[in-house]
N, C-alpha and C. Protein backbone atom coordinates (compact mmCIF):
# COMPACT_ATOMS: atom_id res chain seq x y z
N MET A 1 5.05 -26.90 -13.14
CA MET A 1 6.04 -26.39 -12.22
C MET A 1 7.08 -27.48 -11.99
N ASP A 2 8.35 -27.11 -12.07
CA ASP A 2 9.40 -28.10 -11.89
C ASP A 2 9.81 -28.23 -10.42
N ASN A 3 10.66 -29.21 -10.15
CA ASN A 3 11.08 -29.49 -8.77
C ASN A 3 11.78 -28.30 -8.12
N GLN A 4 12.63 -27.61 -8.87
CA GLN A 4 13.35 -26.46 -8.31
C GLN A 4 12.37 -25.37 -7.88
N PHE A 5 11.34 -25.16 -8.67
CA PHE A 5 10.30 -24.17 -8.34
C PHE A 5 9.63 -24.55 -7.02
N HIS A 6 9.24 -25.82 -6.88
CA HIS A 6 8.61 -26.32 -5.65
C HIS A 6 9.54 -26.18 -4.46
N GLU A 7 10.81 -26.54 -4.66
CA GLU A 7 11.79 -26.47 -3.57
C GLU A 7 12.01 -25.03 -3.11
N THR A 8 11.98 -24.08 -4.03
CA THR A 8 12.14 -22.67 -3.67
C THR A 8 11.03 -22.24 -2.72
N PHE A 9 9.81 -22.61 -3.02
CA PHE A 9 8.68 -22.24 -2.15
C PHE A 9 8.74 -22.97 -0.82
N ALA A 10 9.12 -24.24 -0.82
CA ALA A 10 9.24 -25.01 0.43
C ALA A 10 10.31 -24.40 1.33
N ARG A 11 11.45 -24.03 0.76
CA ARG A 11 12.51 -23.39 1.55
C ARG A 11 12.06 -22.05 2.11
N GLN A 12 11.37 -21.27 1.29
CA GLN A 12 10.91 -19.96 1.75
C GLN A 12 9.90 -20.10 2.87
N LEU A 13 8.99 -21.06 2.74
CA LEU A 13 8.00 -21.31 3.78
C LEU A 13 8.71 -21.69 5.09
N ALA A 14 9.66 -22.61 5.02
CA ALA A 14 10.39 -23.04 6.22
C ALA A 14 11.16 -21.88 6.84
N LEU A 15 11.72 -21.02 6.01
CA LEU A 15 12.47 -19.86 6.51
C LEU A 15 11.57 -18.88 7.24
N GLU A 16 10.42 -18.58 6.68
CA GLU A 16 9.55 -17.53 7.21
C GLU A 16 8.77 -17.93 8.45
N VAL A 17 8.36 -19.18 8.56
CA VAL A 17 7.42 -19.59 9.62
C VAL A 17 8.12 -19.65 10.98
N PRO A 18 7.68 -18.81 11.93
CA PRO A 18 8.32 -18.79 13.25
C PRO A 18 7.71 -19.82 14.21
N PRO A 19 8.44 -20.16 15.27
CA PRO A 19 7.84 -21.01 16.31
C PRO A 19 6.55 -20.37 16.82
N GLY A 20 5.56 -21.19 17.08
CA GLY A 20 4.27 -20.69 17.53
C GLY A 20 3.28 -20.47 16.40
N HIS A 21 3.77 -20.42 15.16
CA HIS A 21 2.89 -20.28 14.00
C HIS A 21 2.23 -21.62 13.74
N GLU A 22 0.99 -21.60 13.30
CA GLU A 22 0.25 -22.85 13.08
C GLU A 22 0.88 -23.76 12.03
N LEU A 23 1.76 -23.23 11.19
CA LEU A 23 2.46 -24.05 10.19
C LEU A 23 3.84 -24.51 10.65
N PHE A 24 4.30 -24.03 11.79
CA PHE A 24 5.66 -24.33 12.23
C PHE A 24 5.90 -25.84 12.29
N GLU A 25 6.91 -26.27 11.55
CA GLU A 25 7.35 -27.67 11.48
C GLU A 25 6.32 -28.63 10.89
N LEU A 26 5.27 -28.11 10.26
CA LEU A 26 4.34 -28.99 9.54
C LEU A 26 4.90 -29.25 8.14
N PRO A 27 4.91 -30.49 7.70
CA PRO A 27 5.35 -30.76 6.34
C PRO A 27 4.30 -30.23 5.35
N ALA A 28 4.78 -29.56 4.31
CA ALA A 28 3.87 -28.98 3.34
C ALA A 28 4.50 -29.03 1.95
N ARG A 29 3.63 -29.08 0.95
CA ARG A 29 4.07 -29.15 -0.44
C ARG A 29 3.29 -28.13 -1.25
N LEU A 30 4.01 -27.34 -2.04
CA LEU A 30 3.37 -26.37 -2.92
C LEU A 30 2.51 -27.08 -3.95
N ILE A 31 1.25 -26.64 -4.07
CA ILE A 31 0.39 -27.22 -5.11
C ILE A 31 -0.18 -26.16 -6.04
N GLY A 32 0.05 -24.89 -5.72
CA GLY A 32 -0.42 -23.83 -6.61
C GLY A 32 -0.01 -22.47 -6.09
N ARG A 33 -0.09 -21.51 -6.98
CA ARG A 33 0.16 -20.15 -6.55
C ARG A 33 -0.72 -19.21 -7.34
N GLY A 34 -1.03 -18.10 -6.71
CA GLY A 34 -1.86 -17.10 -7.35
C GLY A 34 -1.02 -15.94 -7.81
N LEU A 35 -1.69 -14.88 -8.13
CA LEU A 35 -0.98 -13.65 -8.46
C LEU A 35 -0.40 -13.09 -7.18
N GLY A 36 0.72 -12.46 -7.26
CA GLY A 36 1.32 -11.89 -6.06
C GLY A 36 2.03 -12.94 -5.24
N ASP A 37 1.94 -12.81 -3.93
CA ASP A 37 2.73 -13.63 -3.01
C ASP A 37 1.95 -14.77 -2.36
N ASP A 38 0.73 -15.04 -2.79
CA ASP A 38 -0.06 -16.11 -2.21
C ASP A 38 0.29 -17.45 -2.86
N ALA A 39 0.42 -18.46 -2.01
CA ALA A 39 0.72 -19.81 -2.48
C ALA A 39 -0.18 -20.80 -1.76
N LEU A 40 -0.56 -21.85 -2.47
CA LEU A 40 -1.41 -22.89 -1.91
C LEU A 40 -0.54 -24.10 -1.60
N PHE A 41 -0.57 -24.52 -0.33
CA PHE A 41 0.22 -25.66 0.12
C PHE A 41 -0.70 -26.78 0.59
N GLU A 42 -0.33 -28.00 0.25
CA GLU A 42 -0.97 -29.18 0.82
C GLU A 42 -0.24 -29.50 2.11
N ILE A 43 -0.97 -29.67 3.20
CA ILE A 43 -0.37 -30.01 4.48
C ILE A 43 -0.22 -31.53 4.51
N LEU A 44 1.00 -32.00 4.66
CA LEU A 44 1.30 -33.43 4.53
C LEU A 44 1.32 -34.13 5.88
N ASP A 45 0.27 -33.92 6.65
CA ASP A 45 0.17 -34.56 7.97
C ASP A 45 -0.96 -35.59 8.02
N GLY A 46 -1.53 -35.91 6.85
CA GLY A 46 -2.61 -36.88 6.79
C GLY A 46 -3.99 -36.31 7.04
N SER A 47 -4.07 -35.00 7.28
CA SER A 47 -5.36 -34.37 7.59
C SER A 47 -6.17 -34.02 6.35
N GLY A 48 -5.50 -33.93 5.20
CA GLY A 48 -6.19 -33.51 3.98
C GLY A 48 -6.29 -32.00 3.83
N ARG A 49 -5.78 -31.27 4.83
CA ARG A 49 -5.90 -29.81 4.80
C ARG A 49 -4.99 -29.18 3.74
N VAL A 50 -5.41 -28.01 3.31
CA VAL A 50 -4.58 -27.15 2.47
C VAL A 50 -4.56 -25.78 3.12
N ALA A 51 -3.56 -24.98 2.74
CA ALA A 51 -3.44 -23.65 3.32
C ALA A 51 -2.99 -22.66 2.26
N VAL A 52 -3.61 -21.49 2.27
CA VAL A 52 -3.14 -20.38 1.45
C VAL A 52 -2.23 -19.56 2.35
N VAL A 53 -1.00 -19.38 1.89
CA VAL A 53 0.01 -18.68 2.68
C VAL A 53 0.46 -17.46 1.90
N HIS A 54 0.45 -16.30 2.57
CA HIS A 54 0.95 -15.07 1.95
C HIS A 54 2.42 -14.95 2.34
N LEU A 55 3.29 -15.45 1.46
CA LEU A 55 4.72 -15.37 1.71
C LEU A 55 5.19 -13.92 1.58
N THR A 56 6.15 -13.55 2.41
CA THR A 56 6.68 -12.18 2.37
C THR A 56 7.98 -12.09 1.60
N TRP A 57 8.60 -13.21 1.34
CA TRP A 57 9.90 -13.31 0.67
C TRP A 57 10.99 -12.57 1.44
N SER A 58 10.82 -12.58 2.76
CA SER A 58 11.82 -12.05 3.67
C SER A 58 13.05 -12.95 3.63
N LYS A 59 14.19 -12.40 3.98
CA LYS A 59 15.41 -13.19 4.03
C LYS A 59 15.66 -13.76 5.42
N SER A 60 14.68 -13.59 6.30
CA SER A 60 14.81 -14.12 7.66
C SER A 60 13.43 -14.54 8.18
N ARG A 61 13.44 -15.19 9.34
CA ARG A 61 12.20 -15.65 9.96
C ARG A 61 11.30 -14.46 10.25
N GLU A 62 10.01 -14.64 10.03
CA GLU A 62 9.03 -13.59 10.30
C GLU A 62 8.64 -13.59 11.77
N ARG A 63 7.92 -12.56 12.17
CA ARG A 63 7.31 -12.49 13.49
C ARG A 63 5.83 -12.81 13.33
N LEU A 64 5.28 -13.44 14.37
CA LEU A 64 3.84 -13.74 14.34
C LEU A 64 3.06 -12.45 14.15
N PRO A 65 2.03 -12.41 13.38
CA PRO A 65 1.29 -13.54 12.80
C PRO A 65 1.76 -13.93 11.40
N TRP A 66 2.87 -13.36 10.91
CA TRP A 66 3.34 -13.64 9.55
C TRP A 66 4.01 -15.00 9.48
N PRO A 67 3.99 -15.65 8.34
CA PRO A 67 3.21 -15.30 7.17
C PRO A 67 1.72 -15.58 7.40
N ILE A 68 0.90 -14.67 6.92
CA ILE A 68 -0.55 -14.82 7.07
C ILE A 68 -0.97 -16.11 6.37
N THR A 69 -1.75 -16.92 7.07
CA THR A 69 -2.11 -18.26 6.58
C THR A 69 -3.59 -18.52 6.84
N VAL A 70 -4.26 -19.06 5.83
CA VAL A 70 -5.66 -19.47 5.99
C VAL A 70 -5.73 -20.96 5.67
N PHE A 71 -6.19 -21.73 6.64
CA PHE A 71 -6.34 -23.17 6.46
C PHE A 71 -7.73 -23.50 5.94
N TYR A 72 -7.80 -24.57 5.14
CA TYR A 72 -9.06 -25.12 4.64
C TYR A 72 -9.05 -26.61 4.95
N THR A 73 -10.21 -27.16 5.26
CA THR A 73 -10.28 -28.55 5.69
C THR A 73 -9.82 -29.53 4.61
N ASP A 74 -10.01 -29.16 3.34
CA ASP A 74 -9.58 -30.00 2.23
C ASP A 74 -9.68 -29.18 0.95
N MET A 75 -9.29 -29.78 -0.18
CA MET A 75 -9.33 -29.06 -1.45
C MET A 75 -10.74 -28.61 -1.81
N GLU A 76 -11.72 -29.45 -1.56
CA GLU A 76 -13.11 -29.09 -1.88
C GLU A 76 -13.53 -27.84 -1.10
N ASN A 77 -13.16 -27.78 0.17
CA ASN A 77 -13.47 -26.61 0.99
C ASN A 77 -12.78 -25.36 0.44
N TRP A 78 -11.51 -25.50 0.02
CA TRP A 78 -10.79 -24.37 -0.57
C TRP A 78 -11.45 -23.91 -1.88
N ILE A 79 -11.84 -24.86 -2.72
CA ILE A 79 -12.48 -24.52 -3.99
C ILE A 79 -13.77 -23.75 -3.74
N GLU A 80 -14.59 -24.26 -2.82
CA GLU A 80 -15.90 -23.64 -2.56
C GLU A 80 -15.80 -22.29 -1.86
N THR A 81 -14.88 -22.15 -0.91
CA THR A 81 -14.86 -20.94 -0.09
C THR A 81 -13.80 -19.93 -0.49
N CYS A 82 -12.88 -20.31 -1.36
CA CYS A 82 -11.82 -19.38 -1.77
C CYS A 82 -11.76 -19.23 -3.29
N MET A 83 -11.47 -20.32 -3.98
CA MET A 83 -11.24 -20.23 -5.42
C MET A 83 -12.45 -19.74 -6.19
N LEU A 84 -13.61 -20.37 -5.99
CA LEU A 84 -14.80 -19.97 -6.76
C LEU A 84 -15.23 -18.53 -6.47
N PRO A 85 -15.28 -18.10 -5.19
CA PRO A 85 -15.63 -16.69 -4.94
C PRO A 85 -14.63 -15.71 -5.56
N GLU A 86 -13.33 -16.03 -5.50
CA GLU A 86 -12.35 -15.14 -6.11
C GLU A 86 -12.49 -15.12 -7.62
N HIS A 87 -12.76 -16.28 -8.22
CA HIS A 87 -12.97 -16.33 -9.66
C HIS A 87 -14.19 -15.49 -10.05
N GLN A 88 -15.26 -15.62 -9.28
CA GLN A 88 -16.47 -14.84 -9.55
C GLN A 88 -16.20 -13.35 -9.47
N GLU A 89 -15.40 -12.95 -8.48
CA GLU A 89 -15.05 -11.54 -8.32
C GLU A 89 -14.27 -11.04 -9.53
N TRP A 90 -13.32 -11.84 -10.03
CA TRP A 90 -12.54 -11.45 -11.19
C TRP A 90 -13.39 -11.45 -12.46
N ALA A 91 -14.35 -12.37 -12.54
CA ALA A 91 -15.18 -12.50 -13.75
C ALA A 91 -16.17 -11.34 -13.90
N ASN A 92 -16.51 -10.72 -12.79
CA ASN A 92 -17.48 -9.62 -12.85
C ASN A 92 -16.82 -8.34 -13.02
């Protein structure tokens, strides 16, 4: 993924996240995306957390609870509780 691709997702995340949302004003960097509108962001606050965010690709700020976001304590937690179960579901 090139820089422009990453910047597009970062801009969209900043646009969509409203005040009061758990991601509001948190620095984040795109590290992956799935099929559809789900994207995986690294939270750049020193916590090691990552978040799967369902972007809506709206042209304006969303209303809570959008964009739907699931936080994971770290990459290992995301792999164990999200990626591997989803992979298993697709494999079967």
